[in-house]
Each structure stands twice: as structure tokens, then as C-alpha cells.
Amino acid sequence: MPGIPVASFGPPTQITDGATQTIDCSQGSQFLWTLGANRTVSTFTNPAPGQIVHLHVKQDATGSRTLTWPSNVAWPSATAPTLTTTAAKVDVFQFIYDAATLVWRGSTVGLNYT
């Protein structure tokens, strides 16, 4: 049956922190990741055509963590955003999957949330 998957309406899926992360899009459309050090998103797996994913990235109590994005994420003006580095702050990003080009179109929803 067509429509929006039920998982889209639940709480964010918690991502277990690790140096390199694969985000499994079959697990939902909302994800929360608290960074414990500088990290890398290696890829998004199992996307549906046109799927929209929101990633909430939280700094740990130390802050100043960075994130490297996969090469198949296209950002406006080809420039990846800079994370808020304040401890415990959250940045939110949106990704839309283009199945024809295998590219995720990334955008910043908001930065520096409490």
C-alpha cells in the first residue's frame, strides 16, 4: 500500500556512536546521533526512491566534534555545513534520495538547538 511508512512518525532511531557509521534507512526516517569524537558517515543504506531522512546530530558533553559526510551527498553550492561545536547542542539535517542519480540532496534544517 503506498504512503508514508509508520516508522516516519515515531521517535528518532538512536544511532550507537562509532568512528564510521552506516545509516540504515529501512530503520526509519528520523535518526539521533550523539557524537563522541570526530566521526564519519560512510553511507546511507536501503533507501527508498524519494525517501526523506532527518539526522539530528548532537555534540557530547565535550563538544567540538566534526562529521565527514559520504561522497554521494550533494550540498547547496557544493559546501557541506559546519556543525555547531558547543557541548550538548543539536544540529538537524535533511537528506532527500534521488534514485535516478543515487545522490542524497542534503540541506541544513537548523543549527544550535538545545
N, C-alpha and C. Protein backbone atom coordinates (compact mmCIF):
# COMPACT_ATOMS: atom_id res chain seq x y z
N MET A 1 0.85 -1.17 0.00
CA MET A 1 0.00 0.00 0.00
C MET A 1 0.89 1.24 0.00
N PRO A 2 0.68 2.19 -0.92
CA PRO A 2 1.52 3.37 -0.98
C PRO A 2 1.25 4.30 0.21
N GLY A 3 2.21 5.13 0.48
CA GLY A 3 2.05 6.10 1.56
C GLY A 3 3.33 6.24 2.35
N ILE A 4 3.23 6.94 3.45
CA ILE A 4 4.39 7.19 4.30
C ILE A 4 4.52 6.06 5.30
N PRO A 5 5.71 5.47 5.43
CA PRO A 5 5.87 4.38 6.40
C PRO A 5 5.59 4.85 7.83
N VAL A 6 5.01 3.97 8.63
CA VAL A 6 4.68 4.30 10.01
C VAL A 6 5.92 4.75 10.77
N ALA A 7 7.08 4.16 10.46
CA ALA A 7 8.31 4.50 11.17
C ALA A 7 8.64 5.98 11.07
N SER A 8 8.09 6.68 10.07
CA SER A 8 8.36 8.09 9.91
C SER A 8 7.80 8.92 11.05
N PHE A 9 6.87 8.37 11.82
CA PHE A 9 6.19 9.16 12.83
C PHE A 9 6.62 8.83 14.25
N GLY A 10 7.52 7.88 14.43
CA GLY A 10 7.97 7.51 15.76
C GLY A 10 9.11 8.40 16.22
N PRO A 11 9.61 8.13 17.43
CA PRO A 11 10.78 8.87 17.90
C PRO A 11 11.99 8.55 17.04
N PRO A 12 13.00 9.42 17.05
CA PRO A 12 14.19 9.14 16.24
C PRO A 12 14.85 7.83 16.64
N THR A 13 15.38 7.14 15.66
CA THR A 13 16.17 5.94 15.91
C THR A 13 17.52 6.39 16.45
N GLN A 14 17.90 5.86 17.60
CA GLN A 14 19.19 6.20 18.21
C GLN A 14 20.31 5.50 17.46
N ILE A 15 21.31 6.24 17.07
CA ILE A 15 22.48 5.67 16.43
C ILE A 15 23.53 5.44 17.50
N THR A 16 24.05 4.23 17.57
CA THR A 16 25.13 3.93 18.51
C THR A 16 26.40 4.57 17.98
N ASP A 17 27.02 5.40 18.80
CA ASP A 17 28.20 6.14 18.36
C ASP A 17 29.33 5.20 17.99
N GLY A 18 30.05 5.56 16.94
CA GLY A 18 31.20 4.81 16.47
C GLY A 18 31.95 5.65 15.46
N ALA A 19 33.18 5.29 15.19
CA ALA A 19 34.04 6.09 14.32
C ALA A 19 33.48 6.27 12.92
N THR A 20 32.95 5.19 12.34
CA THR A 20 32.37 5.23 11.00
C THR A 20 30.97 4.65 11.09
N GLN A 21 30.02 5.36 10.54
CA GLN A 21 28.62 5.00 10.70
C GLN A 21 27.94 4.75 9.36
N THR A 22 27.16 3.68 9.29
CA THR A 22 26.28 3.43 8.16
C THR A 22 24.87 3.69 8.66
N ILE A 23 24.12 4.52 7.96
CA ILE A 23 22.76 4.83 8.38
C ILE A 23 21.80 3.99 7.54
N ASP A 24 21.10 3.09 8.21
CA ASP A 24 20.18 2.16 7.55
C ASP A 24 18.81 2.81 7.45
N CYS A 25 18.47 3.26 6.25
CA CYS A 25 17.22 3.98 6.02
C CYS A 25 15.98 3.11 6.16
N SER A 26 16.15 1.80 6.20
CA SER A 26 14.99 0.92 6.42
C SER A 26 14.56 0.94 7.89
N GLN A 27 15.38 1.55 8.75
CA GLN A 27 15.07 1.63 10.18
C GLN A 27 14.23 2.85 10.54
N GLY A 28 13.91 3.69 9.56
CA GLY A 28 13.09 4.87 9.82
C GLY A 28 13.56 6.05 9.01
N SER A 29 13.03 7.20 9.35
CA SER A 29 13.38 8.43 8.64
C SER A 29 13.92 9.51 9.57
N GLN A 30 13.94 9.22 10.86
CA GLN A 30 14.46 10.16 11.86
C GLN A 30 15.55 9.45 12.66
N PHE A 31 16.71 10.08 12.74
CA PHE A 31 17.83 9.48 13.46
C PHE A 31 18.46 10.51 14.39
N LEU A 32 18.92 10.06 15.56
CA LEU A 32 19.62 10.91 16.51
C LEU A 32 20.97 10.28 16.81
N TRP A 33 22.02 11.07 16.65
CA TRP A 33 23.38 10.59 16.86
C TRP A 33 24.12 11.56 17.75
N THR A 34 24.56 11.09 18.91
CA THR A 34 25.40 11.89 19.80
C THR A 34 26.84 11.53 19.49
N LEU A 35 27.60 12.52 19.04
CA LEU A 35 28.98 12.29 18.63
C LEU A 35 29.89 12.21 19.85
N GLY A 36 30.72 11.17 19.91
CA GLY A 36 31.67 11.01 21.00
C GLY A 36 33.09 11.40 20.61
N ALA A 37 33.30 11.71 19.35
CA ALA A 37 34.59 12.14 18.81
C ALA A 37 34.32 12.59 17.37
N ASN A 38 35.34 12.94 16.62
CA ASN A 38 35.15 13.26 15.21
C ASN A 38 34.73 11.98 14.50
N ARG A 39 33.68 12.06 13.66
CA ARG A 39 33.08 10.86 13.07
C ARG A 39 32.90 11.00 11.57
N THR A 40 32.56 9.85 10.94
CA THR A 40 32.32 9.78 9.50
C THR A 40 31.04 9.00 9.24
N VAL A 41 30.19 9.54 8.36
CA VAL A 41 29.06 8.78 7.83
C VAL A 41 29.58 8.13 6.56
N SER A 42 29.70 6.79 6.56
CA SER A 42 30.25 6.13 5.39
C SER A 42 29.22 6.05 4.27
N THR A 43 27.95 5.78 4.62
CA THR A 43 26.91 5.68 3.60
C THR A 43 25.53 5.62 4.24
N PHE A 44 24.52 5.85 3.43
CA PHE A 44 23.13 5.59 3.77
C PHE A 44 22.75 4.32 3.01
N THR A 45 22.21 3.31 3.70
CA THR A 45 21.84 2.07 3.03
C THR A 45 20.33 1.89 3.00
N ASN A 46 19.87 1.07 2.09
CA ASN A 46 18.46 0.67 1.96
C ASN A 46 17.48 1.83 1.78
N PRO A 47 17.82 2.83 0.97
CA PRO A 47 16.88 3.92 0.78
C PRO A 47 15.76 3.55 -0.19
N ALA A 48 14.63 4.20 -0.03
CA ALA A 48 13.53 4.10 -0.99
C ALA A 48 13.61 5.32 -1.90
N PRO A 49 13.23 5.20 -3.16
CA PRO A 49 13.25 6.36 -4.05
C PRO A 49 12.45 7.52 -3.45
N GLY A 50 13.07 8.69 -3.40
CA GLY A 50 12.41 9.87 -2.86
C GLY A 50 12.36 9.94 -1.35
N GLN A 51 12.96 8.97 -0.66
CA GLN A 51 12.91 8.96 0.80
C GLN A 51 13.55 10.22 1.37
N ILE A 52 12.96 10.73 2.44
CA ILE A 52 13.49 11.88 3.17
C ILE A 52 13.94 11.39 4.54
N VAL A 53 15.18 11.71 4.88
CA VAL A 53 15.75 11.31 6.16
C VAL A 53 16.18 12.57 6.90
N HIS A 54 15.86 12.62 8.19
CA HIS A 54 16.33 13.70 9.06
C HIS A 54 17.33 13.11 10.04
N LEU A 55 18.49 13.76 10.12
CA LEU A 55 19.54 13.35 11.04
C LEU A 55 19.77 14.46 12.04
N HIS A 56 19.55 14.14 13.31
CA HIS A 56 19.79 15.06 14.41
C HIS A 56 21.17 14.71 14.96
N VAL A 57 22.11 15.65 14.88
CA VAL A 57 23.48 15.41 15.31
C VAL A 57 23.73 16.22 16.57
N LYS A 58 24.03 15.50 17.67
CA LYS A 58 24.22 16.16 18.97
C LYS A 58 25.69 16.08 19.38
N GLN A 59 26.19 17.20 19.86
CA GLN A 59 27.54 17.20 20.44
C GLN A 59 27.47 16.58 21.83
N ASP A 60 28.49 15.83 22.20
CA ASP A 60 28.53 15.27 23.54
C ASP A 60 28.89 16.37 24.54
N ALA A 61 29.17 16.01 25.78
CA ALA A 61 29.48 16.98 26.83
C ALA A 61 30.79 17.72 26.58
N THR A 62 31.64 17.19 25.71
CA THR A 62 32.90 17.84 25.38
C THR A 62 32.70 18.86 24.26
N GLY A 63 31.94 18.50 23.23
CA GLY A 63 31.73 19.38 22.09
C GLY A 63 32.92 19.40 21.14
N SER A 64 32.86 20.29 20.17
CA SER A 64 33.92 20.47 19.15
C SER A 64 34.12 19.26 18.27
N ARG A 65 33.09 18.42 18.13
CA ARG A 65 33.17 17.24 17.27
C ARG A 65 32.84 17.63 15.83
N THR A 66 33.46 16.93 14.89
CA THR A 66 33.20 17.17 13.47
C THR A 66 32.59 15.93 12.85
N LEU A 67 32.02 16.10 11.65
CA LEU A 67 31.39 15.00 10.94
C LEU A 67 31.76 15.08 9.47
N THR A 68 32.20 13.96 8.92
CA THR A 68 32.50 13.86 7.49
C THR A 68 31.36 13.12 6.82
N TRP A 69 30.87 13.67 5.71
CA TRP A 69 29.70 13.11 5.01
C TRP A 69 30.14 12.22 3.86
N PRO A 70 29.27 11.29 3.42
CA PRO A 70 29.61 10.45 2.28
C PRO A 70 29.72 11.27 0.98
N SER A 71 30.44 10.72 0.03
CA SER A 71 30.67 11.44 -1.23
C SER A 71 29.41 11.57 -2.08
N ASN A 72 28.38 10.75 -1.82
CA ASN A 72 27.16 10.84 -2.63
C ASN A 72 26.10 11.74 -2.00
N VAL A 73 26.53 12.64 -1.11
CA VAL A 73 25.64 13.70 -0.60
C VAL A 73 26.00 14.99 -1.32
N ALA A 74 25.01 15.58 -1.96
CA ALA A 74 25.19 16.87 -2.65
C ALA A 74 24.64 17.97 -1.75
N TRP A 75 25.46 18.95 -1.46
CA TRP A 75 25.07 20.09 -0.61
C TRP A 75 24.88 21.32 -1.48
N PRO A 76 24.06 22.27 -1.06
CA PRO A 76 23.93 23.51 -1.82
C PRO A 76 25.29 24.18 -2.00
N SER A 77 25.56 24.65 -3.18
CA SER A 77 26.83 25.29 -3.52
C SER A 77 28.02 24.37 -3.27
N ALA A 78 27.77 23.05 -3.21
CA ALA A 78 28.82 22.04 -3.04
C ALA A 78 29.63 22.24 -1.76
N THR A 79 28.99 22.82 -0.74
CA THR A 79 29.68 23.09 0.52
C THR A 79 28.94 22.42 1.67
N ALA A 80 29.58 21.46 2.30
CA ALA A 80 28.98 20.80 3.46
C ALA A 80 28.91 21.78 4.63
N PRO A 81 27.87 21.67 5.45
CA PRO A 81 27.72 22.60 6.57
C PRO A 81 28.75 22.34 7.66
N THR A 82 29.00 23.36 8.45
CA THR A 82 29.86 23.25 9.62
C THR A 82 28.98 23.01 10.83
N LEU A 83 29.28 21.99 11.61
CA LEU A 83 28.48 21.69 12.79
C LEU A 83 28.67 22.75 13.87
N THR A 84 27.62 22.93 14.67
CA THR A 84 27.75 23.71 15.90
C THR A 84 28.68 22.92 16.81
N THR A 85 29.65 23.58 17.42
CA THR A 85 30.63 22.86 18.23
C THR A 85 30.39 22.98 19.73
N THR A 86 29.36 23.69 20.15
CA THR A 86 29.06 23.85 21.56
C THR A 86 28.57 22.53 22.15
N ALA A 87 29.07 22.19 23.33
CA ALA A 87 28.69 20.95 24.00
C ALA A 87 27.17 20.86 24.14
N ALA A 88 26.63 19.67 23.88
CA ALA A 88 25.21 19.32 24.05
C ALA A 88 24.26 20.00 23.06
N LYS A 89 24.75 20.74 22.11
CA LYS A 89 23.89 21.37 21.10
C LYS A 89 23.58 20.38 19.97
N VAL A 90 22.44 20.61 19.30
CA VAL A 90 21.97 19.71 18.26
C VAL A 90 21.81 20.47 16.94
N ASP A 91 22.29 19.87 15.86
CA ASP A 91 22.06 20.36 14.50
C ASP A 91 21.19 19.34 13.79
N VAL A 92 20.30 19.82 12.92
CA VAL A 92 19.39 18.93 12.21
C VAL A 92 19.60 19.09 10.70
N PHE A 93 19.74 17.94 10.02
CA PHE A 93 19.97 17.92 8.58
C PHE A 93 18.91 17.05 7.90
N GLN A 94 18.58 17.44 6.69
CA GLN A 94 17.60 16.68 5.89
C GLN A 94 18.29 16.17 4.63
N PHE A 95 17.95 14.94 4.26
CA PHE A 95 18.50 14.32 3.06
C PHE A 95 17.35 13.74 2.24
N ILE A 96 17.33 14.05 0.95
CA ILE A 96 16.32 13.52 0.03
C ILE A 96 17.04 12.66 -0.99
N TYR A 97 16.57 11.41 -1.13
CA TYR A 97 17.25 10.46 -2.01
C TYR A 97 16.73 10.55 -3.43
N ASP A 98 17.65 10.71 -4.38
CA ASP A 98 17.33 10.71 -5.81
C ASP A 98 17.81 9.38 -6.38
N ALA A 99 16.88 8.45 -6.57
CA ALA A 99 17.23 7.10 -7.02
C ALA A 99 17.79 7.09 -8.44
N ALA A 100 17.43 8.06 -9.25
CA ALA A 100 17.92 8.10 -10.63
C ALA A 100 19.42 8.39 -10.68
N THR A 101 19.91 9.20 -9.75
CA THR A 101 21.32 9.57 -9.75
C THR A 101 22.10 8.95 -8.59
N LEU A 102 21.38 8.27 -7.69
CA LEU A 102 21.98 7.66 -6.50
C LEU A 102 22.62 8.70 -5.58
N VAL A 103 22.06 9.89 -5.59
CA VAL A 103 22.58 11.01 -4.81
C VAL A 103 21.57 11.40 -3.74
N TRP A 104 22.08 11.76 -2.56
CA TRP A 104 21.28 12.35 -1.49
C TRP A 104 21.46 13.85 -1.56
N ARG A 105 20.36 14.59 -1.61
CA ARG A 105 20.43 16.06 -1.57
C ARG A 105 20.33 16.49 -0.12
N GLY A 106 21.43 17.01 0.40
CA GLY A 106 21.49 17.39 1.81
C GLY A 106 21.20 18.86 2.01
N SER A 107 20.55 19.17 3.12
CA SER A 107 20.31 20.56 3.49
C SER A 107 20.30 20.68 5.01
N THR A 108 20.57 21.86 5.47
CA THR A 108 20.54 22.13 6.91
C THR A 108 19.15 22.60 7.28
N VAL A 109 18.52 21.91 8.22
CA VAL A 109 17.21 22.31 8.73
C VAL A 109 17.39 23.40 9.77
N GLY A 110 18.34 23.19 10.68
CA GLY A 110 18.61 24.18 11.71
C GLY A 110 19.84 23.79 12.50
N LEU A 111 20.46 24.82 13.08
CA LEU A 111 21.69 24.62 13.85
C LEU A 111 21.51 25.17 15.27
N ASN A 112 22.29 24.63 16.19
CA ASN A 112 22.41 25.19 17.53
C ASN A 112 21.15 25.05 18.39
N TYR A 113 20.44 23.94 18.24
CA TYR A 113 19.29 23.68 19.10
C TYR A 113 19.75 23.23 20.47
N THR A 114 18.90 23.45 21.48
CA THR A 114 19.22 22.98 22.83
C THR A 114 18.63 21.60 23.03
